[in-house]
Amino acid sequence: FAEVDFDGKRVVLVVPDGTRSCPLPLLLRTVHRHLI
């Protein structure tokens, strides 16, 4: 993420619904922490 110009941008995260095996809370907390 340090290599991407996220600063001041409108960012949309596109995630699966509950029909997929996925540790979504872990992923979202990690991404949220580095972007918000």
PDB file of all heavy atoms in Angstrom:
ATOM      1  N   PHE A   1       0.818  -1.209   0.000  1.00  0.00           N
ATOM      2  CA  PHE A   1       0.000   0.000   0.000  1.00  0.00           C
ATOM      3  C   PHE A   1       0.850   1.257   0.000  1.00  0.00           C
ATOM      4  O   PHE A   1       0.425   2.306  -0.499  1.00  0.00           O
ATOM      5  CB  PHE A   1      -0.946   0.009   1.203  1.00  0.00           C
ATOM      6  CG  PHE A   1      -2.159  -0.875   1.049  1.00  0.00           C
ATOM      7  CD1 PHE A   1      -2.208  -1.880   0.091  1.00  0.00           C
ATOM      8  CD2 PHE A   1      -3.260  -0.717   1.874  1.00  0.00           C
ATOM      9  CE1 PHE A   1      -3.320  -2.702  -0.039  1.00  0.00           C
ATOM     10  CE2 PHE A   1      -4.384  -1.517   1.750  1.00  0.00           C
ATOM     11  CZ  PHE A   1      -4.407  -2.511   0.785  1.00  0.00           C
ATOM     12  N   ALA A   2       2.057   1.169   0.545  1.00  0.00           N
ATOM     13  CA  ALA A   2       2.957   2.324   0.564  1.00  0.00           C
ATOM     14  C   ALA A   2       3.361   2.740  -0.844  1.00  0.00           C
ATOM     15  O   ALA A   2       3.742   3.901  -1.071  1.00  0.00           O
ATOM     16  CB  ALA A   2       4.197   2.003   1.394  1.00  0.00           C
ATOM     17  N   GLU A   3       3.251   1.822  -1.802  1.00  0.00           N
ATOM     18  CA  GLU A   3       3.648   2.096  -3.182  1.00  0.00           C
ATOM     19  C   GLU A   3       2.498   2.622  -4.032  1.00  0.00           C
ATOM     20  O   GLU A   3       2.682   2.891  -5.226  1.00  0.00           O
ATOM     21  CB  GLU A   3       4.210   0.810  -3.819  1.00  0.00           C
ATOM     22  CG  GLU A   3       5.412   0.224  -3.101  1.00  0.00           C
ATOM     23  CD  GLU A   3       6.584   1.203  -3.070  1.00  0.00           C
ATOM     24  OE1 GLU A   3       6.833   1.850  -4.108  1.00  0.00           O
ATOM     25  OE2 GLU A   3       7.221   1.324  -2.007  1.00  0.00           O
ATOM     26  N   VAL A   4       1.299   2.749  -3.448  1.00  0.00           N
ATOM     27  CA  VAL A   4       0.120   3.190  -4.205  1.00  0.00           C
ATOM     28  C   VAL A   4      -0.321   4.563  -3.703  1.00  0.00           C
ATOM     29  O   VAL A   4      -0.350   4.813  -2.497  1.00  0.00           O
ATOM     30  CB  VAL A   4      -1.045   2.179  -4.054  1.00  0.00           C
ATOM     31  CG1 VAL A   4      -2.278   2.669  -4.817  1.00  0.00           C
ATOM     32  CG2 VAL A   4      -0.620   0.799  -4.553  1.00  0.00           C
ATOM     33  N   ASP A   5      -0.696   5.434  -4.619  1.00  0.00           N
ATOM     34  CA  ASP A   5      -1.123   6.779  -4.248  1.00  0.00           C
ATOM     35  C   ASP A   5      -2.596   6.758  -3.834  1.00  0.00           C
ATOM     36  O   ASP A   5      -3.491   7.150  -4.586  1.00  0.00           O
ATOM     37  CB  ASP A   5      -0.914   7.728  -5.427  1.00  0.00           C
ATOM     38  CG  ASP A   5      -1.275   9.167  -5.070  1.00  0.00           C
ATOM     39  OD1 ASP A   5      -1.394   9.471  -3.864  1.00  0.00           O
ATOM     40  OD2 ASP A   5      -1.448   9.977  -6.005  1.00  0.00           O
ATOM     41  N   PHE A   6      -2.856   6.286  -2.614  1.00  0.00           N
ATOM     42  CA  PHE A   6      -4.209   6.291  -2.055  1.00  0.00           C
ATOM     43  C   PHE A   6      -4.589   7.654  -1.472  1.00  0.00           C
ATOM     44  O   PHE A   6      -5.756   7.911  -1.205  1.00  0.00           O
ATOM     45  CB  PHE A   6      -4.323   5.255  -0.927  1.00  0.00           C
ATOM     46  CG  PHE A   6      -4.399   3.823  -1.392  1.00  0.00           C
ATOM     47  CD1 PHE A   6      -3.349   2.949  -1.151  1.00  0.00           C
ATOM     48  CD2 PHE A   6      -5.524   3.341  -2.038  1.00  0.00           C
ATOM     49  CE1 PHE A   6      -3.413   1.628  -1.551  1.00  0.00           C
ATOM     50  CE2 PHE A   6      -5.605   2.021  -2.442  1.00  0.00           C
ATOM     51  CZ  PHE A   6      -4.546   1.162  -2.200  1.00  0.00           C
ATOM     52  N   ASP A   7      -3.619   8.506  -1.258  1.00  0.00           N
ATOM     53  CA  ASP A   7      -3.835   9.724  -0.484  1.00  0.00           C
ATOM     54  C   ASP A   7      -4.861  10.649  -1.137  1.00  0.00           C
ATOM     55  O   ASP A   7      -4.731  11.049  -2.306  1.00  0.00           O
ATOM     56  CB  ASP A   7      -2.509  10.464  -0.299  1.00  0.00           C
ATOM     57  CG  ASP A   7      -1.503   9.607   0.455  1.00  0.00           C
ATOM     58  OD1 ASP A   7      -1.678   9.429   1.669  1.00  0.00           O
ATOM     59  OD2 ASP A   7      -0.580   9.067  -0.193  1.00  0.00           O
ATOM     60  N   GLY A   8      -5.898  10.999  -0.337  1.00  0.00           N
ATOM     61  CA  GLY A   8      -6.928  11.907  -0.801  1.00  0.00           C
ATOM     62  C   GLY A   8      -7.849  11.328  -1.856  1.00  0.00           C
ATOM     63  O   GLY A   8      -8.609  12.070  -2.490  1.00  0.00           O
ATOM     64  N   LYS A   9      -7.826  10.012  -2.045  1.00  0.00           N
ATOM     65  CA  LYS A   9      -8.625   9.374  -3.082  1.00  0.00           C
ATOM     66  C   LYS A   9      -9.926   8.798  -2.517  1.00  0.00           C
ATOM     67  O   LYS A   9     -10.016   8.449  -1.333  1.00  0.00           O
ATOM     68  CB  LYS A   9      -7.827   8.247  -3.743  1.00  0.00           C
ATOM     69  CG  LYS A   9      -6.533   8.680  -4.403  1.00  0.00           C
ATOM     70  CD  LYS A   9      -6.782   9.601  -5.581  1.00  0.00           C
ATOM     71  CE  LYS A   9      -5.536   9.792  -6.441  1.00  0.00           C
ATOM     72  NZ  LYS A   9      -4.417  10.410  -5.728  1.00  0.00           N
ATOM     73  N   ARG A  10     -10.919   8.714  -3.397  1.00  0.00           N
ATOM     74  CA  ARG A  10     -12.158   7.988  -3.071  1.00  0.00           C
ATOM     75  C   ARG A  10     -11.892   6.512  -3.354  1.00  0.00           C
ATOM     76  O   ARG A  10     -11.720   6.130  -4.518  1.00  0.00           O
ATOM     77  CB  ARG A  10     -13.316   8.497  -3.922  1.00  0.00           C
ATOM     78  CG  ARG A  10     -13.709   9.955  -3.680  1.00  0.00           C
ATOM     79  CD  ARG A  10     -14.626  10.450  -4.785  1.00  0.00           C
ATOM     80  NE  ARG A  10     -13.952  10.399  -6.084  1.00  0.00           N
ATOM     81  CZ  ARG A  10     -14.559  10.610  -7.239  1.00  0.00           C
ATOM     82  NH1 ARG A  10     -15.860  10.884  -7.280  1.00  0.00           N
ATOM     83  NH2 ARG A  10     -13.875  10.565  -8.376  1.00  0.00           N
ATOM     84  N   VAL A  11     -11.859   5.732  -2.304  1.00  0.00           N
ATOM     85  CA  VAL A  11     -11.481   4.322  -2.439  1.00  0.00           C
ATOM     86  C   VAL A  11     -12.686   3.438  -2.113  1.00  0.00           C
ATOM     87  O   VAL A  11     -13.383   3.657  -1.112  1.00  0.00           O
ATOM     88  CB  VAL A  11     -10.296   3.976  -1.510  1.00  0.00           C
ATOM     89  CG1 VAL A  11      -9.974   2.483  -1.578  1.00  0.00           C
ATOM     90  CG2 VAL A  11      -9.070   4.804  -1.894  1.00  0.00           C
ATOM     91  N   VAL A  12     -12.920   2.453  -2.963  1.00  0.00           N
ATOM     92  CA  VAL A  12     -13.979   1.471  -2.743  1.00  0.00           C
ATOM     93  C   VAL A  12     -13.349   0.092  -2.592  1.00  0.00           C
ATOM     94  O   VAL A  12     -12.535  -0.327  -3.430  1.00  0.00           O
ATOM     95  CB  VAL A  12     -14.991   1.470  -3.907  1.00  0.00           C
ATOM     96  CG1 VAL A  12     -15.899   0.247  -3.842  1.00  0.00           C
ATOM     97  CG2 VAL A  12     -15.829   2.745  -3.875  1.00  0.00           C
ATOM     98  N   LEU A  13     -13.701  -0.583  -1.516  1.00  0.00           N
ATOM     99  CA  LEU A  13     -13.305  -1.970  -1.312  1.00  0.00           C
ATOM    100  C   LEU A  13     -14.443  -2.852  -1.805  1.00  0.00           C
ATOM    101  O   LEU A  13     -15.600  -2.637  -1.431  1.00  0.00           O
ATOM    102  CB  LEU A  13     -13.034  -2.246   0.164  1.00  0.00           C
ATOM    103  CG  LEU A  13     -12.118  -1.264   0.904  1.00  0.00           C
ATOM    104  CD1 LEU A  13     -11.968  -1.681   2.366  1.00  0.00           C
ATOM    105  CD2 LEU A  13     -10.759  -1.167   0.216  1.00  0.00           C
ATOM    106  N   VAL A  14     -14.147  -3.819  -2.637  1.00  0.00           N
ATOM    107  CA  VAL A  14     -15.154  -4.731  -3.177  1.00  0.00           C
ATOM    108  C   VAL A  14     -14.892  -6.101  -2.571  1.00  0.00           C
ATOM    109  O   VAL A  14     -13.825  -6.691  -2.776  1.00  0.00           O
ATOM    110  CB  VAL A  14     -15.091  -4.790  -4.712  1.00  0.00           C
ATOM    111  CG1 VAL A  14     -16.189  -5.701  -5.261  1.00  0.00           C
ATOM    112  CG2 VAL A  14     -15.217  -3.393  -5.314  1.00  0.00           C
ATOM    113  N   VAL A  15     -15.876  -6.594  -1.795  1.00  0.00           N
ATOM    114  CA  VAL A  15     -15.658  -7.822  -1.025  1.00  0.00           C
ATOM    115  C   VAL A  15     -16.751  -8.843  -1.338  1.00  0.00           C
ATOM    116  O   VAL A  15     -17.828  -8.498  -1.818  1.00  0.00           O
ATOM    117  CB  VAL A  15     -15.649  -7.524   0.498  1.00  0.00           C
ATOM    118  CG1 VAL A  15     -14.591  -6.484   0.831  1.00  0.00           C
ATOM    119  CG2 VAL A  15     -17.027  -7.086   0.981  1.00  0.00           C
ATOM    120  N   PRO A  16     -16.500 -10.128  -1.052  1.00  0.00           N
ATOM    121  CA  PRO A  16     -17.510 -11.155  -1.307  1.00  0.00           C
ATOM    122  C   PRO A  16     -18.621 -11.120  -0.275  1.00  0.00           C
ATOM    123  O   PRO A  16     -18.490 -10.518   0.795  1.00  0.00           O
ATOM    124  CB  PRO A  16     -16.710 -12.462  -1.202  1.00  0.00           C
ATOM    125  CG  PRO A  16     -15.614 -12.134  -0.228  1.00  0.00           C
ATOM    126  CD  PRO A  16     -15.255 -10.696  -0.519  1.00  0.00           C
ATOM    127  N   ASP A  17     -19.721 -11.803  -0.612  1.00  0.00           N
ATOM    128  CA  ASP A  17     -20.767 -12.008   0.388  1.00  0.00           C
ATOM    129  C   ASP A  17     -20.429 -13.257   1.199  1.00  0.00           C
ATOM    130  O   ASP A  17     -19.338 -13.824   1.075  1.00  0.00           O
ATOM    131  CB  ASP A  17     -22.152 -12.088  -0.267  1.00  0.00           C
ATOM    132  CG  ASP A  17     -22.330 -13.303  -1.173  1.00  0.00           C
ATOM    133  OD1 ASP A  17     -21.442 -14.190  -1.196  1.00  0.00           O
ATOM    134  OD2 ASP A  17     -23.364 -13.382  -1.865  1.00  0.00           O
ATOM    135  N   GLY A  18     -21.370 -13.685   2.015  1.00  0.00           N
ATOM    136  CA  GLY A  18     -21.086 -14.774   2.945  1.00  0.00           C
ATOM    137  C   GLY A  18     -21.053 -16.155   2.349  1.00  0.00           C
ATOM    138  O   GLY A  18     -20.957 -17.142   3.092  1.00  0.00           O
ATOM    139  N   THR A  19     -21.088 -16.282   1.004  1.00  0.00           N
ATOM    140  CA  THR A  19     -21.053 -17.600   0.382  1.00  0.00           C
ATOM    141  C   THR A  19     -19.635 -18.067   0.092  1.00  0.00           C
ATOM    142  O   THR A  19     -19.443 -19.089  -0.571  1.00  0.00           O
ATOM    143  CB  THR A  19     -21.866 -17.612  -0.931  1.00  0.00           C
ATOM    144  OG1 THR A  19     -21.297 -16.675  -1.849  1.00  0.00           O
ATOM    145  CG2 THR A  19     -23.323 -17.255  -0.675  1.00  0.00           C
ATOM    146  N   ARG A  20     -18.630 -17.360   0.549  1.00  0.00           N
ATOM    147  CA  ARG A  20     -17.235 -17.728   0.298  1.00  0.00           C
ATOM    148  C   ARG A  20     -16.503 -17.964   1.615  1.00  0.00           C
ATOM    149  O   ARG A  20     -16.714 -17.239   2.587  1.00  0.00           O
ATOM    150  CB  ARG A  20     -16.507 -16.619  -0.475  1.00  0.00           C
ATOM    151  CG  ARG A  20     -17.146 -16.198  -1.787  1.00  0.00           C
ATOM    152  CD  ARG A  20     -17.076 -17.300  -2.827  1.00  0.00           C
ATOM    153  NE  ARG A  20     -17.454 -16.821  -4.153  1.00  0.00           N
ATOM    154  CZ  ARG A  20     -18.683 -16.874  -4.646  1.00  0.00           C
ATOM    155  NH1 ARG A  20     -19.679 -17.344  -3.901  1.00  0.00           N
ATOM    156  NH2 ARG A  20     -18.942 -16.458  -5.884  1.00  0.00           N
ATOM    157  N   SER A  21     -15.615 -18.956   1.631  1.00  0.00           N
ATOM    158  CA  SER A  21     -14.701 -19.106   2.759  1.00  0.00           C
ATOM    159  C   SER A  21     -13.678 -17.984   2.678  1.00  0.00           C
ATOM    160  O   SER A  21     -12.984 -17.837   1.669  1.00  0.00           O
ATOM    161  CB  SER A  21     -13.964 -20.454   2.701  1.00  0.00           C
ATOM    162  OG  SER A  21     -14.808 -21.511   3.047  1.00  0.00           O
ATOM    163  N   CYS A  22     -13.610 -17.188   3.743  1.00  0.00           N
ATOM    164  CA  CYS A  22     -12.729 -16.024   3.689  1.00  0.00           C
ATOM    165  C   CYS A  22     -12.627 -15.415   5.087  1.00  0.00           C
ATOM    166  O   CYS A  22     -13.657 -15.165   5.713  1.00  0.00           O
ATOM    167  CB  CYS A  22     -13.311 -15.002   2.714  1.00  0.00           C
ATOM    168  SG  CYS A  22     -12.409 -13.464   2.579  1.00  0.00           S
ATOM    169  N   PRO A  23     -11.408 -15.163   5.585  1.00  0.00           N
ATOM    170  CA  PRO A  23     -11.266 -14.488   6.887  1.00  0.00           C
ATOM    171  C   PRO A  23     -11.475 -12.991   6.737  1.00  0.00           C
ATOM    172  O   PRO A  23     -10.566 -12.182   6.950  1.00  0.00           O
ATOM    173  CB  PRO A  23      -9.828 -14.834   7.293  1.00  0.00           C
ATOM    174  CG  PRO A  23      -9.099 -14.936   5.992  1.00  0.00           C
ATOM    175  CD  PRO A  23     -10.088 -15.513   5.007  1.00  0.00           C
ATOM    176  N   LEU A  24     -12.701 -12.615   6.348  1.00  0.00           N
ATOM    177  CA  LEU A  24     -12.967 -11.222   5.984  1.00  0.00           C
ATOM    178  C   LEU A  24     -12.657 -10.236   7.114  1.00  0.00           C
ATOM    179  O   LEU A  24     -12.081  -9.172   6.858  1.00  0.00           O
ATOM    180  CB  LEU A  24     -14.410 -11.062   5.504  1.00  0.00           C
ATOM    181  CG  LEU A  24     -14.726  -9.716   4.860  1.00  0.00           C
ATOM    182  CD1 LEU A  24     -13.929  -9.529   3.565  1.00  0.00           C
ATOM    183  CD2 LEU A  24     -16.212  -9.565   4.589  1.00  0.00           C
ATOM    184  N   PRO A  25     -13.027 -10.518   8.379  1.00  0.00           N
ATOM    185  CA  PRO A  25     -12.703  -9.542   9.428  1.00  0.00           C
ATOM    186  C   PRO A  25     -11.210  -9.236   9.521  1.00  0.00           C
ATOM    187  O   PRO A  25     -10.819  -8.066   9.681  1.00  0.00           O
ATOM    188  CB  PRO A  25     -13.229 -10.218  10.695  1.00  0.00           C
ATOM    189  CG  PRO A  25     -14.346 -11.094  10.218  1.00  0.00           C
ATOM    190  CD  PRO A  25     -13.863 -11.618   8.904  1.00  0.00           C
ATOM    191  N   LEU A  26     -10.378 -10.265   9.423  1.00  0.00           N
ATOM    192  CA  LEU A  26      -8.935 -10.056   9.463  1.00  0.00           C
ATOM    193  C   LEU A  26      -8.484  -9.182   8.291  1.00  0.00           C
ATOM    194  O   LEU A  26      -7.712  -8.222   8.465  1.00  0.00           O
ATOM    195  CB  LEU A  26      -8.210 -11.402   9.413  1.00  0.00           C
ATOM    196  CG  LEU A  26      -6.693 -11.349   9.174  1.00  0.00           C
ATOM    197  CD1 LEU A  26      -5.993 -10.654  10.337  1.00  0.00           C
ATOM    198  CD2 LEU A  26      -6.142 -12.752   8.950  1.00  0.00           C
ATOM    199  N   LEU A  27      -8.974  -9.489   7.120  1.00  0.00           N
ATOM    200  CA  LEU A  27      -8.570  -8.738   5.930  1.00  0.00           C
ATOM    201  C   LEU A  27      -9.017  -7.281   6.015  1.00  0.00           C
ATOM    202  O   LEU A  27      -8.236  -6.358   5.738  1.00  0.00           O
ATOM    203  CB  LEU A  27      -9.164  -9.393   4.682  1.00  0.00           C
ATOM    204  CG  LEU A  27      -8.667 -10.804   4.378  1.00  0.00           C
ATOM    205  CD1 LEU A  27      -9.558 -11.456   3.326  1.00  0.00           C
ATOM    206  CD2 LEU A  27      -7.225 -10.770   3.917  1.00  0.00           C
ATOM    207  N   LEU A  28     -10.286  -7.077   6.391  1.00  0.00           N
ATOM    208  CA  LEU A  28     -10.800  -5.714   6.431  1.00  0.00           C
ATOM    209  C   LEU A  28     -10.145  -4.879   7.525  1.00  0.00           C
ATOM    210  O   LEU A  28      -9.863  -3.691   7.335  1.00  0.00           O
ATOM    211  CB  LEU A  28     -12.317  -5.731   6.616  1.00  0.00           C
ATOM    212  CG  LEU A  28     -13.137  -5.992   5.351  1.00  0.00           C
ATOM    213  CD1 LEU A  28     -14.614  -5.975   5.663  1.00  0.00           C
ATOM    214  CD2 LEU A  28     -12.825  -4.964   4.263  1.00  0.00           C
ATOM    215  N   ARG A  29      -9.913  -5.489   8.677  1.00  0.00           N
ATOM    216  CA  ARG A  29      -9.247  -4.723   9.744  1.00  0.00           C
ATOM    217  C   ARG A  29      -7.848  -4.310   9.311  1.00  0.00           C
ATOM    218  O   ARG A  29      -7.403  -3.190   9.606  1.00  0.00           O
ATOM    219  CB  ARG A  29      -9.196  -5.559  11.032  1.00  0.00           C
ATOM    220  CG  ARG A  29     -10.559  -5.727  11.705  1.00  0.00           C
ATOM    221  CD  ARG A  29     -10.427  -6.400  13.054  1.00  0.00           C
ATOM    222  NE  ARG A  29     -11.729  -6.575  13.683  1.00  0.00           N
ATOM    223  CZ  ARG A  29     -12.336  -7.746  13.860  1.00  0.00           C
ATOM    224  NH1 ARG A  29     -11.748  -8.855  13.464  1.00  0.00           N
ATOM    225  NH2 ARG A  29     -13.525  -7.808  14.433  1.00  0.00           N
ATOM    226  N   THR A  30      -7.160  -5.204   8.622  1.00  0.00           N
ATOM    227  CA  THR A  30      -5.807  -4.888   8.153  1.00  0.00           C
ATOM    228  C   THR A  30      -5.838  -3.776   7.118  1.00  0.00           C
ATOM    229  O   THR A  30      -5.088  -2.787   7.210  1.00  0.00           O
ATOM    230  CB  THR A  30      -5.156  -6.153   7.555  1.00  0.00           C
ATOM    231  OG1 THR A  30      -5.134  -7.191   8.535  1.00  0.00           O
ATOM    232  CG2 THR A  30      -3.734  -5.857   7.108  1.00  0.00           C
ATOM    233  N   VAL A  31      -6.705  -3.913   6.125  1.00  0.00           N
ATOM    234  CA  VAL A  31      -6.792  -2.907   5.071  1.00  0.00           C
ATOM    235  C   VAL A  31      -7.285  -1.573   5.635  1.00  0.00           C
ATOM    236  O   VAL A  31      -6.747  -0.505   5.302  1.00  0.00           O
ATOM    237  CB  VAL A  31      -7.722  -3.408   3.944  1.00  0.00           C
ATOM    238  CG1 VAL A  31      -8.049  -2.281   2.969  1.00  0.00           C
ATOM    239  CG2 VAL A  31      -7.084  -4.578   3.209  1.00  0.00           C
ATOM    240  N   HIS A  32      -8.305  -1.621   6.480  1.00  0.00           N
ATOM    241  CA  HIS A  32      -8.830  -0.396   7.098  1.00  0.00           C
ATOM    242  C   HIS A  32      -7.743   0.348   7.862  1.00  0.00           C
ATOM    243  O   HIS A  32      -7.609   1.582   7.745  1.00  0.00           O
ATOM    244  CB  HIS A  32      -9.989  -0.773   8.029  1.00  0.00           C
ATOM    245  CG  HIS A  32     -10.599   0.383   8.758  1.00  0.00           C
ATOM    246  ND1 HIS A  32     -10.138   0.803  10.005  1.00  0.00           N
ATOM    247  CD2 HIS A  32     -11.626   1.221   8.431  1.00  0.00           C
ATOM    248  CE1 HIS A  32     -10.867   1.823  10.404  1.00  0.00           C
ATOM    249  NE2 HIS A  32     -11.780   2.099   9.478  1.00  0.00           N
ATOM    250  N   ARG A  33      -6.970  -0.385   8.611  1.00  0.00           N
ATOM    251  CA  ARG A  33      -5.913   0.240   9.425  1.00  0.00           C
ATOM    252  C   ARG A  33      -4.901   0.986   8.553  1.00  0.00           C
ATOM    253  O   ARG A  33      -4.403   2.055   8.927  1.00  0.00           O
ATOM    254  CB  ARG A  33      -5.208  -0.845  10.244  1.00  0.00           C
ATOM    255  CG  ARG A  33      -4.123  -0.319  11.161  1.00  0.00           C
ATOM    256  CD  ARG A  33      -3.679  -1.361  12.172  1.00  0.00           C
ATOM    257  NE  ARG A  33      -3.200  -2.583  11.558  1.00  0.00           N
ATOM    258  CZ  ARG A  33      -3.867  -3.756  11.573  1.00  0.00           C
ATOM    259  NH1 ARG A  33      -5.050  -3.851  12.154  1.00  0.00           N
ATOM    260  NH2 ARG A  33      -3.342  -4.816  11.010  1.00  0.00           N
ATOM    261  N   HIS A  34      -4.601   0.439   7.370  1.00  0.00           N
ATOM    262  CA  HIS A  34      -3.575   1.040   6.518  1.00  0.00           C
ATOM    263  C   HIS A  34      -4.124   2.072   5.530  1.00  0.00           C
ATOM    264  O   HIS A  34      -3.327   2.734   4.854  1.00  0.00           O
ATOM    265  CB  HIS A  34      -2.823  -0.061   5.755  1.00  0.00           C
ATOM    266  CG  HIS A  34      -1.960  -0.902   6.635  1.00  0.00           C
ATOM    267  ND1 HIS A  34      -0.782  -0.436   7.177  1.00  0.00           N
ATOM    268  CD2 HIS A  34      -2.106  -2.173   7.086  1.00  0.00           C
ATOM    269  CE1 HIS A  34      -0.228  -1.392   7.924  1.00  0.00           C
ATOM    270  NE2 HIS A  34      -1.015  -2.457   7.877  1.00  0.00           N
ATOM    271  N   LEU A  35      -5.453   2.225   5.476  1.00  0.00           N
ATOM    272  CA  LEU A  35      -6.017   3.165   4.517  1.00  0.00           C
ATOM    273  C   LEU A  35      -6.769   4.338   5.127  1.00  0.00           C
ATOM    274  O   LEU A  35      -6.783   5.437   4.563  1.00  0.00           O
ATOM    275  CB  LEU A  35      -6.989   2.427   3.561  1.00  0.00           C
ATOM    276  CG  LEU A  35      -6.390   1.566   2.467  1.00  0.00           C
ATOM    277  CD1 LEU A  35      -7.498   1.019   1.579  1.00  0.00           C
ATOM    278  CD2 LEU A  35      -5.370   2.329   1.626  1.00  0.00           C
ATOM    279  N   ILE A  36      -7.431   4.126   6.267  1.00  0.00           N
ATOM    280  CA  ILE A  36      -8.440   5.078   6.731  1.00  0.00           C
ATOM    281  C   ILE A  36      -7.882   6.488   6.945  1.00  0.00           C
ATOM    282  O   ILE A  36      -8.592   7.483   6.740  1.00  0.00           O
ATOM    283  CB  ILE A  36      -9.142   4.559   8.016  1.00  0.00           C
ATOM    284  CG1 ILE A  36     -10.407   5.369   8.269  1.00  0.00           C
ATOM    285  CG2 ILE A  36      -8.186   4.548   9.178  1.00  0.00           C
ATOM    286  CD1 ILE A  36     -11.439   5.287   7.175  1.00  0.00           C
TER     287      ILE A  36
END
